[in-house]
Protein backbone atom coordinates (compact mmCIF):
# COMPACT_ATOMS: atom_id res chain seq x y z
CA MET A 1 -82.76 16.98 47.93
CA ALA A 2 -80.62 14.92 50.67
CA GLY A 3 -77.15 14.38 49.95
CA LEU A 4 -77.22 16.64 46.64
CA ILE A 5 -74.21 19.14 46.31
CA PRO A 6 -74.97 21.91 43.74
CA LEU A 7 -72.65 21.40 40.45
CA ALA A 8 -71.10 17.54 41.83
CA ALA A 9 -70.42 15.44 39.28
CA THR A 10 -71.98 11.69 39.10
CA GLY A 11 -72.18 9.39 36.50
CA ILE A 12 -74.78 7.25 34.15
CA GLY A 13 -74.05 3.80 34.31
CA SER A 14 -71.68 1.84 31.82
CA VAL A 15 -67.83 2.16 31.77
CA PRO A 16 -65.30 0.97 29.27
CA PHE A 17 -63.13 -0.79 31.72
CA ALA A 18 -62.72 -4.13 32.79
CA ASP A 19 -61.70 -4.00 36.46
CA PRO A 20 -64.29 -3.07 39.08
CA GLN A 21 -61.71 -2.13 41.74
CA GLU A 22 -59.74 0.03 39.70
CA THR A 23 -62.80 1.77 37.92
CA VAL A 24 -64.55 2.43 41.36
CA ALA A 25 -60.84 4.03 42.42
CA LEU A 26 -61.44 6.02 39.50
CA ILE A 27 -64.75 7.12 40.37
CA LEU A 28 -63.89 7.90 43.79
CA GLU A 29 -61.25 9.91 42.73
CA THR A 30 -63.20 12.34 40.10
CA MET A 31 -66.59 12.11 41.61
CA PRO A 32 -65.97 12.09 45.33
CA GLN A 33 -69.13 14.22 46.16
CA ILE A 34 -71.66 11.80 44.61
CA PRO A 35 -69.96 8.75 43.39
CA TYR A 36 -71.96 6.18 41.48
CA TRP A 37 -71.43 2.22 40.92
CA PRO A 38 -70.39 1.65 37.43
CA GLN A 39 -72.10 -1.17 35.00
CA MET A 40 -69.32 -3.19 33.70
CA VAL A 41 -70.54 -3.97 30.44
CA GLN A 42 -67.22 -5.14 29.04
CA LEU A 43 -67.51 -8.12 31.50
CA GLY A 44 -70.33 -9.71 29.59
CA TYR A 45 -74.33 -9.56 29.27
CA LEU A 46 -75.15 -9.99 33.04
CA GLU A 47 -73.89 -6.53 33.52
CA ASP A 48 -76.61 -5.25 30.94
CA MET A 49 -78.83 -2.83 32.51
CA THR A 50 -81.70 -5.07 31.21
CA ALA A 51 -79.89 -8.39 32.70
CA GLN A 52 -79.32 -6.65 35.82
CA ALA A 53 -83.01 -5.53 36.44
CA ALA A 54 -84.36 -8.83 35.54
CA ARG A 55 -83.70 -10.63 38.59
CA GLY A 56 -86.47 -11.35 40.67
CA LEU A 57 -89.11 -10.15 38.51
CA PRO A 58 -91.72 -13.03 37.44
CA ALA A 59 -91.59 -15.25 34.75
CA LEU A 60 -88.58 -14.17 32.84
CA LYS A 61 -85.66 -15.94 31.38
CA VAL A 62 -82.12 -14.36 30.79
CA ASP A 63 -80.01 -15.83 27.81
CA VAL A 64 -76.66 -15.13 28.17
CA ARG A 65 -75.72 -16.88 25.08
CA ARG A 66 -78.05 -14.71 23.01
CA ARG A 67 -77.51 -11.63 25.11
CA THR A 68 -81.76 -11.43 25.69
CA VAL A 69 -84.28 -11.32 28.36
CA GLY A 70 -87.50 -12.62 27.28
CA LEU A 71 -90.76 -14.24 28.80
CA ASP A 72 -90.14 -17.86 29.91
CA PRO A 73 -92.49 -19.81 27.77
CA ASP A 74 -91.86 -22.55 30.07
CA ALA A 75 -92.80 -20.42 33.19
CA PRO A 76 -96.75 -20.95 34.45
CA ARG A 77 -97.58 -17.26 34.35
CA ASP A 78 -100.30 -17.29 36.95
CA GLU A 79 -98.19 -19.23 39.34
CA ALA A 80 -95.18 -16.83 38.78
CA LEU A 81 -97.07 -13.68 39.34
CA ALA A 82 -98.97 -15.13 42.17
CA ARG A 83 -95.41 -15.99 43.94
CA PHE A 84 -93.99 -12.64 43.04
CA TYR A 85 -96.64 -10.58 44.67
CA GLU A 86 -96.41 -12.88 47.47
CA VAL A 87 -92.70 -11.74 47.99
CA VAL A 88 -93.68 -8.23 47.34
CA LEU A 89 -96.62 -8.11 50.28
CA ALA A 90 -94.13 -9.77 52.43
CA GLY A 91 -92.12 -6.62 52.30
CA ASP A 92 -88.62 -8.33 52.00
CA LEU A 93 -86.33 -7.08 49.62
CA THR A 94 -83.73 -9.87 49.49
CA ALA A 95 -85.55 -11.51 45.95
CA PHE A 96 -84.97 -8.41 44.04
CA ALA A 97 -80.85 -8.29 45.11
CA PHE A 98 -78.29 -8.13 42.99
CA GLU A 99 -75.97 -10.52 42.85
CA GLU A 100 -71.99 -9.95 42.51
CA PRO A 101 -71.90 -11.77 38.85
CA ASP A 102 -74.89 -9.12 38.03
CA ALA A 103 -73.30 -6.22 39.06
CA ARG A 104 -69.39 -6.31 40.26
CA GLY A 105 -69.42 -2.52 40.19
CA PHE A 106 -71.80 -1.91 42.58
CA PHE A 107 -70.32 -4.67 45.08
CA ALA A 108 -66.74 -2.99 44.49
CA LEU A 109 -68.39 0.32 45.44
CA LEU A 110 -69.67 -0.78 48.34
CA LYS A 111 -66.54 -2.62 49.71
CA ALA A 112 -64.39 0.67 48.82
CA VAL A 113 -66.51 2.99 50.81
CA ALA A 114 -66.89 0.61 53.56
CA SER A 115 -63.39 0.32 53.93
CA GLN A 116 -62.12 3.73 53.05
CA GLY A 117 -64.95 6.00 53.43
CA SER A 118 -65.93 8.85 50.77
CA PRO A 119 -66.24 12.34 51.61
CA GLY A 120 -69.73 13.16 49.96
CA PRO A 121 -73.15 12.52 51.58
CA ALA A 122 -74.28 10.56 48.80
CA LEU A 123 -74.09 7.47 46.73
CA LYS A 124 -75.56 6.96 43.26
CA GLY A 125 -77.03 4.12 41.74
CA GLN A 126 -79.35 3.35 38.50
CA LEU A 127 -81.76 0.55 36.77
CA SER A 128 -83.44 0.11 33.92
CA GLY A 129 -86.50 2.15 33.72
CA PRO A 130 -89.69 0.47 33.51
CA VAL A 131 -90.65 1.73 29.91
CA THR A 132 -87.53 0.65 28.85
CA PHE A 133 -87.13 -2.56 30.38
CA THR A 134 -90.97 -3.79 29.15
CA GLY A 135 -89.91 -2.27 25.67
CA VAL A 136 -87.15 -4.44 25.44
CA VAL A 137 -88.40 -7.62 27.43
CA LYS A 138 -90.45 -9.77 24.47
CA ASP A 139 -92.89 -12.62 24.86
CA PRO A 140 -92.28 -16.00 22.82
CA ALA A 141 -93.93 -14.04 20.02
CA GLY A 142 -91.65 -11.53 19.88
CA LYS A 143 -93.96 -8.83 21.32
CA ALA A 144 -92.83 -6.12 24.07
CA ILE A 145 -94.69 -6.94 27.31
CA LEU A 146 -94.99 -3.27 27.53
CA TYR A 147 -98.20 -3.91 25.95
CA ASP A 148 -98.98 -6.82 28.64
CA ARG A 149 -100.75 -4.43 31.14
CA GLU A 150 -100.80 -7.21 33.97
CA LEU A 151 -97.00 -7.94 33.20
CA THR A 152 -95.94 -4.35 32.74
CA GLN A 153 -97.36 -3.54 36.42
CA ALA A 154 -95.67 -6.29 37.90
CA VAL A 155 -92.23 -5.24 36.52
CA CYS A 156 -92.97 -1.59 37.67
CA ALA A 157 -93.49 -3.46 41.38
CA GLY A 158 -90.48 -5.29 41.02
CA LEU A 159 -88.39 -2.62 39.73
CA ALA A 160 -89.52 -0.30 42.72
CA ARG A 161 -88.02 -2.90 45.27
CA LYS A 162 -84.75 -3.08 43.22
CA VAL A 163 -84.20 0.27 43.94
CA ALA A 164 -85.57 0.08 47.09
CA TRP A 165 -82.67 -2.47 48.02
CA GLN A 166 -79.94 -0.49 46.56
CA ALA A 167 -81.21 2.55 48.34
CA ARG A 168 -81.03 0.32 51.85
CA GLN A 169 -77.59 -0.70 50.95
CA PHE A 170 -76.22 2.83 50.54
CA ARG A 171 -77.99 4.00 53.75
CA ASP A 172 -76.53 0.93 55.48
CA LEU A 173 -73.09 2.72 54.63
CA GLY A 174 -74.22 5.96 56.19
CA LYS A 175 -75.01 7.78 52.39
CA GLU A 176 -77.57 9.16 51.16
CA PRO A 177 -79.28 6.95 48.25
CA VAL A 178 -79.85 8.56 44.74
CA ILE A 179 -80.94 6.32 42.46
CA PHE A 180 -81.47 7.10 38.56
CA LEU A 181 -83.99 5.08 36.29
CA ASP A 182 -82.49 4.93 32.78
CA GLU A 183 -85.24 5.33 29.97
CA PRO A 184 -83.55 5.47 26.70
CA PHE A 185 -86.57 3.91 25.33
CA LEU A 186 -88.39 7.35 25.61
CA THR A 187 -86.67 8.73 22.71
CA GLY A 188 -88.94 6.69 20.43
CA PHE A 189 -92.10 8.32 22.24
CA GLY A 190 -94.56 9.67 19.62
CA SER A 191 -93.08 7.15 16.80
CA ALA A 192 -94.44 3.99 15.61
CA TYR A 193 -91.61 2.57 17.65
CA LEU A 194 -93.08 3.20 20.74
CA PRO A 195 -97.08 3.26 20.23
CA ILE A 196 -98.26 4.40 23.75
CA SER A 197 -100.00 7.21 25.33
CA ALA A 198 -98.26 9.78 27.02
CA ASP A 199 -100.85 9.29 30.04
CA GLU A 200 -99.60 5.33 30.02
CA VAL A 201 -96.12 6.48 30.15
CA THR A 202 -96.83 8.62 33.11
CA ALA A 203 -98.78 5.92 34.88
CA ILE A 204 -95.90 3.51 34.42
CA LEU A 205 -93.15 5.83 35.76
CA THR A 206 -95.36 7.30 38.59
CA GLN A 207 -96.07 3.71 39.73
CA THR A 208 -92.48 2.47 39.89
CA LEU A 209 -91.22 5.98 41.40
CA THR A 210 -93.87 6.08 44.16
CA GLU A 211 -93.50 2.11 45.28
CA ALA A 212 -90.24 2.82 45.17
CA ARG A 213 -90.53 5.56 47.82
CA GLU A 214 -92.89 3.64 50.08
CA ALA A 215 -90.34 0.41 49.89
CA ALA A 216 -86.98 2.29 50.36
CA GLY A 217 -87.73 5.16 52.70
CA PRO A 218 -85.75 8.49 52.21
CA VAL A 219 -84.58 8.36 48.59
CA THR A 220 -83.82 10.86 45.75
CA LEU A 221 -85.15 9.33 42.45
CA GLY A 222 -84.13 10.64 38.90
CA VAL A 223 -84.77 9.65 35.71
CA HIS A 224 -82.56 9.62 32.56
CA CYS A 225 -83.34 9.92 29.04
CA CYS A 226 -80.14 10.20 26.69
CA GLY A 227 -82.20 11.58 23.89
CA ASN A 228 -85.06 13.82 22.70
CA THR A 229 -88.29 12.91 23.93
CA ASP A 230 -91.52 14.39 25.15
CA TRP A 231 -90.22 16.02 28.20
CA SER A 232 -93.40 17.12 29.73
CA LEU A 233 -93.72 13.50 30.29
CA LEU A 234 -90.96 13.16 32.74
CA LEU A 235 -91.46 16.55 34.42
CA LYS A 236 -95.12 15.59 35.22
CA ALA A 237 -93.59 12.41 37.14
CA PRO A 238 -92.72 12.66 40.75
CA LEU A 239 -89.47 12.37 40.29
CA ASP A 240 -86.61 14.81 41.90
CA ILE A 241 -83.73 14.70 39.23
CA LEU A 242 -84.57 15.13 35.52
CA SER A 243 -81.24 13.61 33.96
CA PHE A 244 -80.49 14.81 30.25
CA ASP A 245 -77.96 15.17 27.57
CA SER A 246 -77.65 18.82 27.65
CA TYR A 247 -74.84 18.46 24.90
CA GLY A 248 -76.86 17.32 22.14
CA TYR A 249 -80.70 18.37 23.39
CA PHE A 250 -80.76 21.41 25.21
CA GLU A 251 -82.33 23.47 22.79
CA ASN A 252 -85.52 20.70 22.87
CA LEU A 253 -85.61 21.26 26.64
CA ARG A 254 -85.91 24.45 26.42
CA LEU A 255 -89.22 24.39 24.29
CA TYR A 256 -90.75 22.76 27.62
CA ALA A 257 -90.20 25.93 29.60
CA GLY A 258 -93.56 26.02 31.48
CA ALA A 259 -93.15 22.55 32.47
CA LEU A 260 -89.58 23.24 33.60
CA SER A 261 -90.25 26.10 35.52
CA THR A 262 -92.80 24.15 37.41
CA PHE A 263 -90.21 21.41 38.24
CA LEU A 264 -87.83 23.67 39.40
CA ALA A 265 -90.25 25.46 41.48
CA ARG A 266 -91.52 22.22 43.37
CA GLY A 267 -87.55 21.39 44.30
CA GLY A 268 -86.69 19.35 41.27
CA TRP A 269 -82.89 19.15 40.03
CA LEU A 270 -81.47 19.42 36.69
CA ALA A 271 -78.70 16.44 35.75
CA TRP A 272 -76.89 18.18 32.87
CA GLY A 273 -75.38 15.80 30.56
CA LEU A 274 -72.60 17.76 29.89
CA VAL A 275 -69.70 15.65 28.40
CA PRO A 276 -70.87 13.74 25.26
CA THR A 277 -69.82 10.17 25.16
CA ASN A 278 -69.86 9.91 21.44
CA GLU A 279 -67.47 11.05 18.66
CA ASP A 280 -68.15 14.60 19.72
CA ILE A 281 -65.90 13.99 22.63
CA GLN A 282 -63.09 14.08 20.24
CA THR A 283 -63.27 17.54 19.12
CA GLU A 284 -64.40 19.05 22.75
CA THR A 285 -61.93 20.18 25.47
CA PRO A 286 -63.35 21.08 29.09
CA ASP A 287 -62.74 25.07 28.25
CA THR A 288 -65.15 24.41 25.07
CA LEU A 289 -67.58 22.52 27.32
CA TRP A 290 -67.27 25.00 30.18
CA ARG A 291 -68.07 27.77 27.71
CA ARG A 292 -70.89 25.96 26.16
CA PHE A 293 -72.49 25.20 30.08
CA GLN A 294 -72.18 28.52 31.02
CA ALA A 295 -74.27 29.86 27.75
CA GLN A 296 -77.04 26.89 28.37
CA VAL A 297 -77.46 28.26 31.78
CA SER A 298 -77.67 31.66 31.16
CA ARG A 299 -80.54 31.16 28.08
CA LEU A 300 -82.42 28.82 30.63
CA SER A 301 -82.10 31.68 33.20
CA GLU A 302 -83.83 34.21 30.71
CA ASP A 303 -86.30 31.34 29.39
CA LEU A 304 -87.58 30.92 32.80
CA GLY A 305 -86.78 34.18 34.49
CA ARG A 306 -84.91 32.78 37.47
CA GLY A 307 -81.42 33.76 38.41
CA LEU A 308 -78.48 31.90 37.83
CA GLN A 309 -77.81 31.23 41.25
CA ASP A 310 -81.27 29.42 41.70
CA ILE A 311 -80.62 27.28 38.43
CA LEU A 312 -77.09 26.43 39.40
CA ASN A 313 -78.10 25.54 43.13
CA GLN A 314 -80.45 22.81 41.58
CA SER A 315 -78.13 21.20 39.02
CA LEU A 316 -75.59 18.34 38.82
CA LEU A 317 -73.20 17.31 36.21
CA THR A 318 -72.66 13.99 34.33
CA PRO A 319 -71.72 12.38 31.39
CA ALA A 320 -74.33 12.85 28.35
CA CYS A 321 -74.62 9.07 28.35
CA GLY A 322 -73.32 5.96 29.50
CA MET A 323 -69.41 5.18 28.52
CA GLY A 324 -69.45 1.76 27.98
CA TYR A 325 -68.59 1.77 24.36
CA LEU A 326 -66.10 4.57 24.58
CA SER A 327 -62.38 3.37 24.41
CA ARG A 328 -60.86 3.31 28.03
CA GLU A 329 -58.64 6.68 27.16
CA ARG A 330 -61.81 8.22 26.00
CA GLY A 331 -63.70 7.00 29.35
CA ARG A 332 -60.77 8.49 31.48
CA GLY A 333 -60.95 11.84 29.62
CA VAL A 334 -64.86 12.07 30.06
CA LEU A 335 -64.13 11.53 33.96
CA ALA A 336 -61.28 13.78 34.17
CA SER A 337 -63.41 16.51 32.25
CA LEU A 338 -66.15 16.27 34.63
CA LYS A 339 -64.10 16.53 37.64
CA GLU A 340 -62.96 19.86 36.24
CA LEU A 341 -66.26 20.89 35.09
CA SER A 342 -67.74 20.57 38.43
CA LEU A 343 -64.91 22.35 40.40
CA ARG A 344 -65.39 25.30 38.17
CA GLY A 345 -69.24 25.49 38.34
CA GLN A 346 -68.56 25.45 42.12
CA GLU A 347 -66.67 28.41 42.18
CA TRP A 348 -69.10 30.17 39.48
CA LEU A 349 -71.64 29.54 41.98
CA ALA A 350 -69.69 30.48 45.12
CA ALA A 351 -68.99 34.12 43.27
CA LEU A 352 -72.41 34.83 42.32
């Protein structure tokens, strides 16, 4: 994948910090090969991933006071959808842009890279995935719009163009775009909490990813799920990177060896969520995490019948999930650990 450096470190999204410029400087220092823009969730609800994704989508209302995004009961649905698809068909991505109060970390990263550059070939962004977004957003009766096919298709089209808009901003800086769709809602797949079929999930993801490529041009697309799920749903979708919590759920992913082998054989990459972002971080060190990673890669090599070098050449390192609710000290520790683990990983690969 263009712009990907084996065993480079990058981030997932939210951070526990409050200063966008200082945060971006820290990210550029600890993740120079694939820096990412931070979601500054400590600065208010507009930085929440659902609110960030809502701008430009039809018939929705962001309620900052209640910290919700919902279907606007006062918006004429048919008119809103008609206007939305006119914008989509026109091909203008401006309506899907972030504005600075929504994503201060995004604009801080753009300004920093424009003024001082960054050594790596890529920049990484993120956006709420379509299953999660439509599962969180409710109509006035309290029902998730995920079960409204017409609205879900519109959301997929809109999110795809928000991905494309991000990608173009990165490319304007001369950087390869890497964008993840964040899908924590998929941890509920197979339960009453998320009563939709596997085919529906795959179709929703496929529509979004496919339309994003069509609108963006060359772009590397990943999907991040921070818990356990039916991993075959993601491995069958047209994504380039599977981002998973390897600290907590590596053994679950091993159950899908066949689908995983096919994914890697077609050139897919794994983003290993190696550093925990929950209370487990208190008991781990870079040394313990490094031994854990080496053992996991060795087991996966045996499972798939692929060499260690093959797996490492298609691997990135990340936190297990967003860091938004860690302490600032813990957040800095996660970034420092990832910097060290990335260096160790690249040394390991070079020695093979």
